[in-house]
Amino acid sequence: MIIPDIDDLVLEHDDDTALEEVGRRVLSRGPWTTVAFLVNTRNGPETPWEGPFLWLHRYQKVAQGYKLVSRFHTTDKGQLDALSEAMREWEL
């Protein structure tokens, strides 16, 4: 799927799952664009929300716009906590 403009990006999901975007940051722009999403997810309308999770997506600029090339999704809150702690320790 090609996205004409990175600012018009909408996260994809299907009817069986739910996705709530809590935050978004464009970390870099250009031929390779990186976007960080903070999301909550759930496995159906009757299940509780889980998260937050960090999703990092890399997009490549192509003639028609941007295409998703790679992504990294944290799978539990502990990973996000560990990443935050590492950044604090590294003084980033």
PDB file of N, CA and C in Angstrom:
ATOM      1  N   MET A   1       0.839  -1.181   0.000  1.00  0.00           N
ATOM      2  CA  MET A   1       0.000   0.000   0.000  1.00  0.00           C
ATOM      3  C   MET A   1       0.884   1.244   0.000  1.00  0.00           C
ATOM      4  N   ILE A   2       0.550   2.190  -0.845  1.00  0.00           N
ATOM      5  CA  ILE A   2       1.294   3.444  -0.938  1.00  0.00           C
ATOM      6  C   ILE A   2       0.505   4.546  -0.223  1.00  0.00           C
ATOM      7  N   ILE A   3       1.196   5.328   0.583  1.00  0.00           N
ATOM      8  CA  ILE A   3       0.601   6.465   1.286  1.00  0.00           C
ATOM      9  C   ILE A   3       1.055   7.736   0.577  1.00  0.00           C
ATOM     10  N   PRO A   4       0.133   8.502   0.009  1.00  0.00           N
ATOM     11  CA  PRO A   4       0.538   9.689  -0.747  1.00  0.00           C
ATOM     12  C   PRO A   4       1.327  10.711   0.076  1.00  0.00           C
ATOM     13  N   ASP A   5       0.906  10.947   1.318  1.00  0.00           N
ATOM     14  CA  ASP A   5       1.560  11.936   2.180  1.00  0.00           C
ATOM     15  C   ASP A   5       1.670  11.342   3.571  1.00  0.00           C
ATOM     16  N   ILE A   6       2.829  11.392   4.163  1.00  0.00           N
ATOM     17  CA  ILE A   6       3.058  10.775   5.476  1.00  0.00           C
ATOM     18  C   ILE A   6       2.158  11.393   6.545  1.00  0.00           C
ATOM     19  N   ASP A   7       1.758  12.659   6.382  1.00  0.00           N
ATOM     20  CA  ASP A   7       0.880  13.309   7.352  1.00  0.00           C
ATOM     21  C   ASP A   7      -0.553  12.784   7.274  1.00  0.00           C
ATOM     22  N   ASP A   8      -0.906  12.064   6.202  1.00  0.00           N
ATOM     23  CA  ASP A   8      -2.235  11.478   6.054  1.00  0.00           C
ATOM     24  C   ASP A   8      -2.270  10.011   6.461  1.00  0.00           C
ATOM     25  N   LEU A   9      -1.211   9.536   7.053  1.00  0.00           N
ATOM     26  CA  LEU A   9      -1.069   8.134   7.422  1.00  0.00           C
ATOM     27  C   LEU A   9      -2.133   7.722   8.442  1.00  0.00           C
ATOM     28  N   VAL A  10      -2.778   6.585   8.171  1.00  0.00           N
ATOM     29  CA  VAL A  10      -3.734   5.976   9.093  1.00  0.00           C
ATOM     30  C   VAL A  10      -3.270   4.547   9.343  1.00  0.00           C
ATOM     31  N   LEU A  11      -3.169   4.161  10.605  1.00  0.00           N
ATOM     32  CA  LEU A  11      -2.756   2.798  10.921  1.00  0.00           C
ATOM     33  C   LEU A  11      -3.834   1.819  10.476  1.00  0.00           C
ATOM     34  N   GLU A  12      -3.408   0.720   9.860  1.00  0.00           N
ATOM     35  CA  GLU A  12      -4.344  -0.293   9.387  1.00  0.00           C
ATOM     36  C   GLU A  12      -4.661  -1.288  10.492  1.00  0.00           C
ATOM     37  N   HIS A  13      -5.899  -1.735  10.516  1.00  0.00           N
ATOM     38  CA  HIS A  13      -6.305  -2.821  11.400  1.00  0.00           C
ATOM     39  C   HIS A  13      -7.558  -3.458  10.812  1.00  0.00           C
ATOM     40  N   ASP A  14      -7.864  -4.675  11.267  1.00  0.00           N
ATOM     41  CA  ASP A  14      -9.044  -5.353  10.730  1.00  0.00           C
ATOM     42  C   ASP A  14     -10.185  -5.307  11.744  1.00  0.00           C
ATOM     43  N   ASP A  15     -11.341  -5.855  11.354  1.00  0.00           N
ATOM     44  CA  ASP A  15     -12.533  -5.781  12.199  1.00  0.00           C
ATOM     45  C   ASP A  15     -12.441  -6.648  13.447  1.00  0.00           C
ATOM     46  N   ASP A  16     -11.544  -7.637  13.446  1.00  0.00           N
ATOM     47  CA  ASP A  16     -11.433  -8.534  14.590  1.00  0.00           C
ATOM     48  C   ASP A  16     -10.603  -7.951  15.731  1.00  0.00           C
ATOM     49  N   THR A  17      -9.830  -6.949  15.441  1.00  0.00           N
ATOM     50  CA  THR A  17      -9.001  -6.341  16.475  1.00  0.00           C
ATOM     51  C   THR A  17      -9.323  -4.861  16.570  1.00  0.00           C
ATOM     52  N   ALA A  18      -8.929  -4.278  17.661  1.00  0.00           N
ATOM     53  CA  ALA A  18      -9.150  -2.849  17.854  1.00  0.00           C
ATOM     54  C   ALA A  18      -7.815  -2.183  18.130  1.00  0.00           C
ATOM     55  N   LEU A  19      -7.695  -0.982  17.674  1.00  0.00           N
ATOM     56  CA  LEU A  19      -6.460  -0.231  17.797  1.00  0.00           C
ATOM     57  C   LEU A  19      -6.799   1.194  18.182  1.00  0.00           C
ATOM     58  N   GLU A  20      -6.155   1.682  19.205  1.00  0.00           N
ATOM     59  CA  GLU A  20      -6.361   3.057  19.652  1.00  0.00           C
ATOM     60  C   GLU A  20      -5.010   3.760  19.610  1.00  0.00           C
ATOM     61  N   GLU A  21      -4.874   4.730  18.743  1.00  0.00           N
ATOM     62  CA  GLU A  21      -3.633   5.489  18.654  1.00  0.00           C
ATOM     63  C   GLU A  21      -3.638   6.548  19.754  1.00  0.00           C
ATOM     64  N   VAL A  22      -2.633   6.464  20.631  1.00  0.00           N
ATOM     65  CA  VAL A  22      -2.521   7.375  21.770  1.00  0.00           C
ATOM     66  C   VAL A  22      -1.625   8.563  21.426  1.00  0.00           C
ATOM     67  N   GLY A  23      -0.612   8.305  20.603  1.00  0.00           N
ATOM     68  CA  GLY A  23       0.317   9.363  20.219  1.00  0.00           C
ATOM     69  C   GLY A  23       1.060   8.986  18.958  1.00  0.00           C
ATOM     70  N   ARG A  24       1.644  10.003  18.331  1.00  0.00           N
ATOM     71  CA  ARG A  24       2.397   9.794  17.090  1.00  0.00           C
ATOM     72  C   ARG A  24       3.476  10.867  17.000  1.00  0.00           C
ATOM     73  N   ARG A  25       4.658  10.453  16.582  1.00  0.00           N
ATOM     74  CA  ARG A  25       5.761  11.385  16.332  1.00  0.00           C
ATOM     75  C   ARG A  25       6.453  10.979  15.046  1.00  0.00           C
ATOM     76  N   VAL A  26       6.652  11.922  14.155  1.00  0.00           N
ATOM     77  CA  VAL A  26       7.488  11.673  12.981  1.00  0.00           C
ATOM     78  C   VAL A  26       8.913  11.949  13.439  1.00  0.00           C
ATOM     79  N   LEU A  27       9.738  10.910  13.506  1.00  0.00           N
ATOM     80  CA  LEU A  27      11.100  11.033  14.028  1.00  0.00           C
ATOM     81  C   LEU A  27      12.081  11.525  12.982  1.00  0.00           C
ATOM     82  N   SER A  28      11.820  11.194  11.719  1.00  0.00           N
ATOM     83  CA  SER A  28      12.664  11.697  10.632  1.00  0.00           C
ATOM     84  C   SER A  28      11.834  11.739   9.363  1.00  0.00           C
ATOM     85  N   ARG A  29      12.187  12.677   8.493  1.00  0.00           N
ATOM     86  CA  ARG A  29      11.511  12.820   7.201  1.00  0.00           C
ATOM     87  C   ARG A  29      12.565  12.778   6.107  1.00  0.00           C
ATOM     88  N   GLY A  30      12.132  12.397   4.929  1.00  0.00           N
ATOM     89  CA  GLY A  30      13.042  12.343   3.805  1.00  0.00           C
ATOM     90  C   GLY A  30      12.836  11.056   3.034  1.00  0.00           C
ATOM     91  N   PRO A  31      13.869  10.616   2.319  1.00  0.00           N
ATOM     92  CA  PRO A  31      13.744   9.375   1.538  1.00  0.00           C
ATOM     93  C   PRO A  31      13.388   8.178   2.427  1.00  0.00           C
ATOM     94  N   TRP A  32      13.866   8.200   3.649  1.00  0.00           N
ATOM     95  CA  TRP A  32      13.509   7.203   4.655  1.00  0.00           C
ATOM     96  C   TRP A  32      12.884   7.944   5.822  1.00  0.00           C
ATOM     97  N   THR A  33      11.621   7.698   6.058  1.00  0.00           N
ATOM     98  CA  THR A  33      10.870   8.382   7.103  1.00  0.00           C
ATOM     99  C   THR A  33      10.553   7.396   8.217  1.00  0.00           C
ATOM    100  N   THR A  34      10.768   7.819   9.447  1.00  0.00           N
ATOM    101  CA  THR A  34      10.500   6.979  10.609  1.00  0.00           C
ATOM    102  C   THR A  34       9.392   7.615  11.431  1.00  0.00           C
ATOM    103  N   VAL A  35       8.386   6.807  11.764  1.00  0.00           N
ATOM    104  CA  VAL A  35       7.264   7.285  12.566  1.00  0.00           C
ATOM    105  C   VAL A  35       7.127   6.386  13.791  1.00  0.00           C
ATOM    106  N   ALA A  36       6.993   7.005  14.964  1.00  0.00           N
ATOM    107  CA  ALA A  36       6.756   6.277  16.209  1.00  0.00           C
ATOM    108  C   ALA A  36       5.290   6.460  16.592  1.00  0.00           C
ATOM    109  N   PHE A  37       4.639   5.355  16.897  1.00  0.00           N
ATOM    110  CA  PHE A  37       3.249   5.375  17.337  1.00  0.00           C
ATOM    111  C   PHE A  37       3.188   4.810  18.748  1.00  0.00           C
ATOM    112  N   LEU A  38       2.359   5.402  19.582  1.00  0.00           N
ATOM    113  CA  LEU A  38       2.033   4.842  20.884  1.00  0.00           C
ATOM    114  C   LEU A  38       0.589   4.368  20.757  1.00  0.00           C
ATOM    115  N   VAL A  39       0.355   3.072  20.961  1.00  0.00           N
ATOM    116  CA  VAL A  39      -0.972   2.513  20.720  1.00  0.00           C
ATOM    117  C   VAL A  39      -1.423   1.633  21.878  1.00  0.00           C
ATOM    118  N   ASN A  40      -2.728   1.511  22.003  1.00  0.00           N
ATOM    119  CA  ASN A  40      -3.365   0.503  22.842  1.00  0.00           C
ATOM    120  C   ASN A  40      -4.076  -0.452  21.896  1.00  0.00           C
ATOM    121  N   THR A  41      -4.148  -1.715  22.270  1.00  0.00           N
ATOM    122  CA  THR A  41      -4.814  -2.698  21.426  1.00  0.00           C
ATOM    123  C   THR A  41      -5.755  -3.550  22.273  1.00  0.00           C
ATOM    124  N   ARG A  42      -6.677  -4.219  21.582  1.00  0.00           N
ATOM    125  CA  ARG A  42      -7.506  -5.236  22.228  1.00  0.00           C
ATOM    126  C   ARG A  42      -7.948  -6.241  21.172  1.00  0.00           C
ATOM    127  N   ASN A  43      -8.327  -7.413  21.620  1.00  0.00           N
ATOM    128  CA  ASN A  43      -8.647  -8.511  20.714  1.00  0.00           C
ATOM    129  C   ASN A  43     -10.133  -8.648  20.426  1.00  0.00           C
ATOM    130  N   GLY A  44     -10.895  -7.620  20.618  1.00  0.00           N
ATOM    131  CA  GLY A  44     -12.325  -7.641  20.345  1.00  0.00           C
ATOM    132  C   GLY A  44     -13.039  -6.597  21.163  1.00  0.00           C
ATOM    133  N   PRO A  45     -14.281  -6.319  20.824  1.00  0.00           N
ATOM    134  CA  PRO A  45     -14.994  -5.225  21.503  1.00  0.00           C
ATOM    135  C   PRO A  45     -15.293  -5.473  22.973  1.00  0.00           C
ATOM    136  N   GLU A  46     -15.286  -6.730  23.403  1.00  0.00           N
ATOM    137  CA  GLU A  46     -15.613  -7.049  24.788  1.00  0.00           C
ATOM    138  C   GLU A  46     -14.387  -7.229  25.672  1.00  0.00           C
ATOM    139  N   THR A  47     -13.188  -7.149  25.105  1.00  0.00           N
ATOM    140  CA  THR A  47     -11.967  -7.356  25.885  1.00  0.00           C
ATOM    141  C   THR A  47     -11.379  -6.015  26.302  1.00  0.00           C
ATOM    142  N   PRO A  48     -10.617  -6.004  27.397  1.00  0.00           N
ATOM    143  CA  PRO A  48     -10.037  -4.733  27.854  1.00  0.00           C
ATOM    144  C   PRO A  48      -8.876  -4.287  26.949  1.00  0.00           C
ATOM    145  N   TRP A  49      -8.615  -2.983  26.972  1.00  0.00           N
ATOM    146  CA  TRP A  49      -7.484  -2.425  26.234  1.00  0.00           C
ATOM    147  C   TRP A  49      -6.198  -2.881  26.902  1.00  0.00           C
ATOM    148  N   GLU A  50      -5.176  -3.126  26.094  1.00  0.00           N
ATOM    149  CA  GLU A  50      -3.845  -3.476  26.582  1.00  0.00           C
ATOM    150  C   GLU A  50      -2.857  -2.464  26.033  1.00  0.00           C
ATOM    151  N   GLY A  51      -1.808  -2.196  26.791  1.00  0.00           N
ATOM    152  CA  GLY A  51      -0.791  -1.263  26.330  1.00  0.00           C
ATOM    153  C   GLY A  51      -0.467  -0.269  27.415  1.00  0.00           C
ATOM    154  N   PRO A  52       0.242   0.755  27.067  1.00  0.00           N
ATOM    155  CA  PRO A  52       0.579   1.183  25.708  1.00  0.00           C
ATOM    156  C   PRO A  52       1.756   0.379  25.132  1.00  0.00           C
ATOM    157  N   PHE A  53       1.792   0.339  23.806  1.00  0.00           N
ATOM    158  CA  PHE A  53       2.853  -0.309  23.059  1.00  0.00           C
ATOM    159  C   PHE A  53       3.494   0.710  22.127  1.00  0.00           C
ATOM    160  N   LEU A  54       4.778   0.543  21.893  1.00  0.00           N
ATOM    161  CA  LEU A  54       5.505   1.392  20.958  1.00  0.00           C
ATOM    162  C   LEU A  54       5.612   0.669  19.628  1.00  0.00           C
ATOM    163  N   TRP A  55       5.231   1.340  18.561  1.00  0.00           N
ATOM    164  CA  TRP A  55       5.383   0.818  17.208  1.00  0.00           C
ATOM    165  C   TRP A  55       6.264   1.786  16.447  1.00  0.00           C
ATOM    166  N   LEU A  56       7.354   1.296  15.887  1.00  0.00           N
ATOM    167  CA  LEU A  56       8.231   2.090  15.029  1.00  0.00           C
ATOM    168  C   LEU A  56       8.077   1.592  13.597  1.00  0.00           C
ATOM    169  N   HIS A  57       7.714   2.492  12.696  1.00  0.00           N
ATOM    170  CA  HIS A  57       7.533   2.136  11.283  1.00  0.00           C
ATOM    171  C   HIS A  57       8.485   2.949  10.425  1.00  0.00           C
ATOM    172  N   ARG A  58       9.105   2.280   9.445  1.00  0.00           N
ATOM    173  CA  ARG A  58       9.998   2.944   8.481  1.00  0.00           C
ATOM    174  C   ARG A  58       9.324   2.923   7.110  1.00  0.00           C
ATOM    175  N   TYR A  59       9.295   4.076   6.495  1.00  0.00           N
ATOM    176  CA  TYR A  59       8.690   4.233   5.178  1.00  0.00           C
ATOM    177  C   TYR A  59       9.752   4.707   4.191  1.00  0.00           C
ATOM    178  N   GLN A  60       9.668   4.193   2.975  1.00  0.00           N
ATOM    179  CA  GLN A  60      10.571   4.608   1.911  1.00  0.00           C
ATOM    180  C   GLN A  60       9.801   5.476   0.935  1.00  0.00           C
ATOM    181  N   LYS A  61      10.411   6.586   0.548  1.00  0.00           N
ATOM    182  CA  LYS A  61       9.793   7.476  -0.439  1.00  0.00           C
ATOM    183  C   LYS A  61       9.894   6.807  -1.808  1.00  0.00           C
ATOM    184  N   VAL A  62       8.756   6.700  -2.486  1.00  0.00           N
ATOM    185  CA  VAL A  62       8.693   6.171  -3.844  1.00  0.00           C
ATOM    186  C   VAL A  62       7.967   7.208  -4.697  1.00  0.00           C
ATOM    187  N   ALA A  63       7.889   6.980  -5.991  1.00  0.00           N
ATOM    188  CA  ALA A  63       7.305   7.971  -6.909  1.00  0.00           C
ATOM    189  C   ALA A  63       5.885   8.367  -6.513  1.00  0.00           C
ATOM    190  N   GLN A  64       5.088   7.435  -6.024  1.00  0.00           N
ATOM    191  CA  GLN A  64       3.686   7.727  -5.705  1.00  0.00           C
ATOM    192  C   GLN A  64       3.465   8.214  -4.271  1.00  0.00           C
ATOM    193  N   GLY A  65       4.481   8.161  -3.442  1.00  0.00           N
ATOM    194  CA  GLY A  65       4.331   8.561  -2.048  1.00  0.00           C
ATOM    195  C   GLY A  65       5.306   7.802  -1.167  1.00  0.00           C
ATOM    196  N   TYR A  66       4.781   7.123  -0.148  1.00  0.00           N
ATOM    197  CA  TYR A  66       5.594   6.374   0.804  1.00  0.00           C
ATOM    198  C   TYR A  66       5.065   4.955   0.928  1.00  0.00           C
ATOM    199  N   LYS A  67       5.981   3.991   1.052  1.00  0.00           N
ATOM    200  CA  LYS A  67       5.562   2.613   1.294  1.00  0.00           C
ATOM    201  C   LYS A  67       6.216   2.104   2.569  1.00  0.00           C
ATOM    202  N   LEU A  68       5.454   1.336   3.340  1.00  0.00           N
ATOM    203  CA  LEU A  68       5.956   0.747   4.565  1.00  0.00           C
ATOM    204  C   LEU A  68       6.977  -0.324   4.219  1.00  0.00           C
ATOM    205  N   VAL A  69       8.180  -0.202   4.790  1.00  0.00           N
ATOM    206  CA  VAL A  69       9.256  -1.144   4.496  1.00  0.00           C
ATOM    207  C   VAL A  69       9.547  -2.038   5.701  1.00  0.00           C
ATOM    208  N   SER A  70       9.531  -1.474   6.890  1.00  0.00           N
ATOM    209  CA  SER A  70       9.811  -2.286   8.078  1.00  0.00           C
ATOM    210  C   SER A  70       9.088  -1.713   9.276  1.00  0.00           C
ATOM    211  N   ARG A  71       8.921  -2.585  10.260  1.00  0.00           N
ATOM    212  CA  ARG A  71       8.267  -2.135  11.488  1.00  0.00           C
ATOM    213  C   ARG A  71       8.754  -2.948  12.671  1.00  0.00           C
ATOM    214  N   PHE A  72       8.715  -2.304  13.808  1.00  0.00           N
ATOM    215  CA  PHE A  72       9.052  -2.933  15.077  1.00  0.00           C
ATOM    216  C   PHE A  72       7.916  -2.607  16.034  1.00  0.00           C
ATOM    217  N   HIS A  73       7.343  -3.633  16.650  1.00  0.00           N
ATOM    218  CA  HIS A  73       6.257  -3.440  17.607  1.00  0.00           C
ATOM    219  C   HIS A  73       6.662  -4.051  18.936  1.00  0.00           C
ATOM    220  N   THR A  74       6.580  -3.284  20.017  1.00  0.00           N
ATOM    221  CA  THR A  74       6.739  -3.901  21.324  1.00  0.00           C
ATOM    222  C   THR A  74       5.502  -4.757  21.565  1.00  0.00           C
ATOM    223  N   THR A  75       5.679  -5.835  22.320  1.00  0.00           N
ATOM    224  CA  THR A  75       4.576  -6.772  22.518  1.00  0.00           C
ATOM    225  C   THR A  75       4.056  -6.814  23.949  1.00  0.00           C
ATOM    226  N   ASP A  76       4.755  -6.149  24.848  1.00  0.00           N
ATOM    227  CA  ASP A  76       4.224  -6.006  26.202  1.00  0.00           C
ATOM    228  C   ASP A  76       4.793  -4.740  26.824  1.00  0.00           C
ATOM    229  N   LYS A  77       4.099  -4.261  27.840  1.00  0.00           N
ATOM    230  CA  LYS A  77       4.483  -2.993  28.457  1.00  0.00           C
ATOM    231  C   LYS A  77       5.888  -3.059  29.047  1.00  0.00           C
ATOM    232  N   GLY A  78       6.332  -4.244  29.453  1.00  0.00           N
ATOM    233  CA  GLY A  78       7.667  -4.395  30.016  1.00  0.00           C
ATOM    234  C   GLY A  78       8.762  -3.999  29.040  1.00  0.00           C
ATOM    235  N   GLN A  79       8.563  -4.262  27.758  1.00  0.00           N
ATOM    236  CA  GLN A  79       9.546  -3.851  26.749  1.00  0.00           C
ATOM    237  C   GLN A  79       9.637  -2.338  26.662  1.00  0.00           C
ATOM    238  N   LEU A  80       8.502  -1.662  26.709  1.00  0.00           N
ATOM    239  CA  LEU A  80       8.500  -0.199  26.668  1.00  0.00           C
ATOM    240  C   LEU A  80       9.172   0.367  27.918  1.00  0.00           C
ATOM    241  N   ASP A  81       8.905  -0.234  29.056  1.00  0.00           N
ATOM    242  CA  ASP A  81       9.554   0.199  30.302  1.00  0.00           C
ATOM    243  C   ASP A  81      11.063  -0.009  30.226  1.00  0.00           C
ATOM    244  N   ALA A  82      11.514  -1.155  29.681  1.00  0.00           N
ATOM    245  CA  ALA A  82      12.942  -1.438  29.556  1.00  0.00           C
ATOM    246  C   ALA A  82      13.618  -0.457  28.597  1.00  0.00           C
ATOM    247  N   LEU A  83      12.950  -0.125  27.530  1.00  0.00           N
ATOM    248  CA  LEU A  83      13.492   0.854  26.581  1.00  0.00           C
ATOM    249  C   LEU A  83      13.613   2.227  27.231  1.00  0.00           C
ATOM    250  N   SER A  84      12.588   2.641  27.960  1.00  0.00           N
ATOM    251  CA  SER A  84      12.635   3.934  28.659  1.00  0.00           C
ATOM    252  C   SER A  84      13.769   3.974  29.676  1.00  0.00           C
ATOM    253  N   GLU A  85      13.944   2.894  30.411  1.00  0.00           N
ATOM    254  CA  GLU A  85      15.021   2.818  31.399  1.00  0.00           C
ATOM    255  C   GLU A  85      16.389   2.876  30.729  1.00  0.00           C
ATOM    256  N   ALA A  86      16.557   2.167  29.626  1.00  0.00           N
ATOM    257  CA  ALA A  86      17.838   2.197  28.908  1.00  0.00           C
ATOM    258  C   ALA A  86      18.150   3.609  28.429  1.00  0.00           C
ATOM    259  N   MET A  87      17.168   4.312  27.912  1.00  0.00           N
ATOM    260  CA  MET A  87      17.408   5.673  27.424  1.00  0.00           C
ATOM    261  C   MET A  87      17.780   6.611  28.569  1.00  0.00           C
ATOM    262  N   ARG A  88      17.135   6.422  29.732  1.00  0.00           N
ATOM    263  CA  ARG A  88      17.510   7.231  30.907  1.00  0.00           C
ATOM    264  C   ARG A  88      18.950   6.933  31.315  1.00  0.00           C
ATOM    265  N   GLU A  89      19.328   5.644  31.344  1.00  0.00           N
ATOM    266  CA  GLU A  89      20.686   5.280  31.749  1.00  0.00           C
ATOM    267  C   GLU A  89      21.720   5.803  30.762  1.00  0.00           C
ATOM    268  N   TRP A  90      21.382   5.819  29.487  1.00  0.00           N
ATOM    269  CA  TRP A  90      22.294   6.314  28.450  1.00  0.00           C
ATOM    270  C   TRP A  90      22.264   7.834  28.366  1.00  0.00           C
ATOM    271  N   GLU A  91      21.389   8.460  29.167  1.00  0.00           N
ATOM    272  CA  GLU A  91      21.224   9.925  29.200  1.00  0.00           C
ATOM    273  C   GLU A  91      20.865  10.474  27.839  1.00  0.00           C
ATOM    274  N   LEU A  92      19.937   9.795  27.160  1.00  0.00           N
ATOM    275  CA  LEU A  92      19.441  10.266  25.853  1.00  0.00           C
ATOM    276  C   LEU A  92      18.202  11.095  26.024  1.00  0.00           C
TER     277      LEU A  92
END
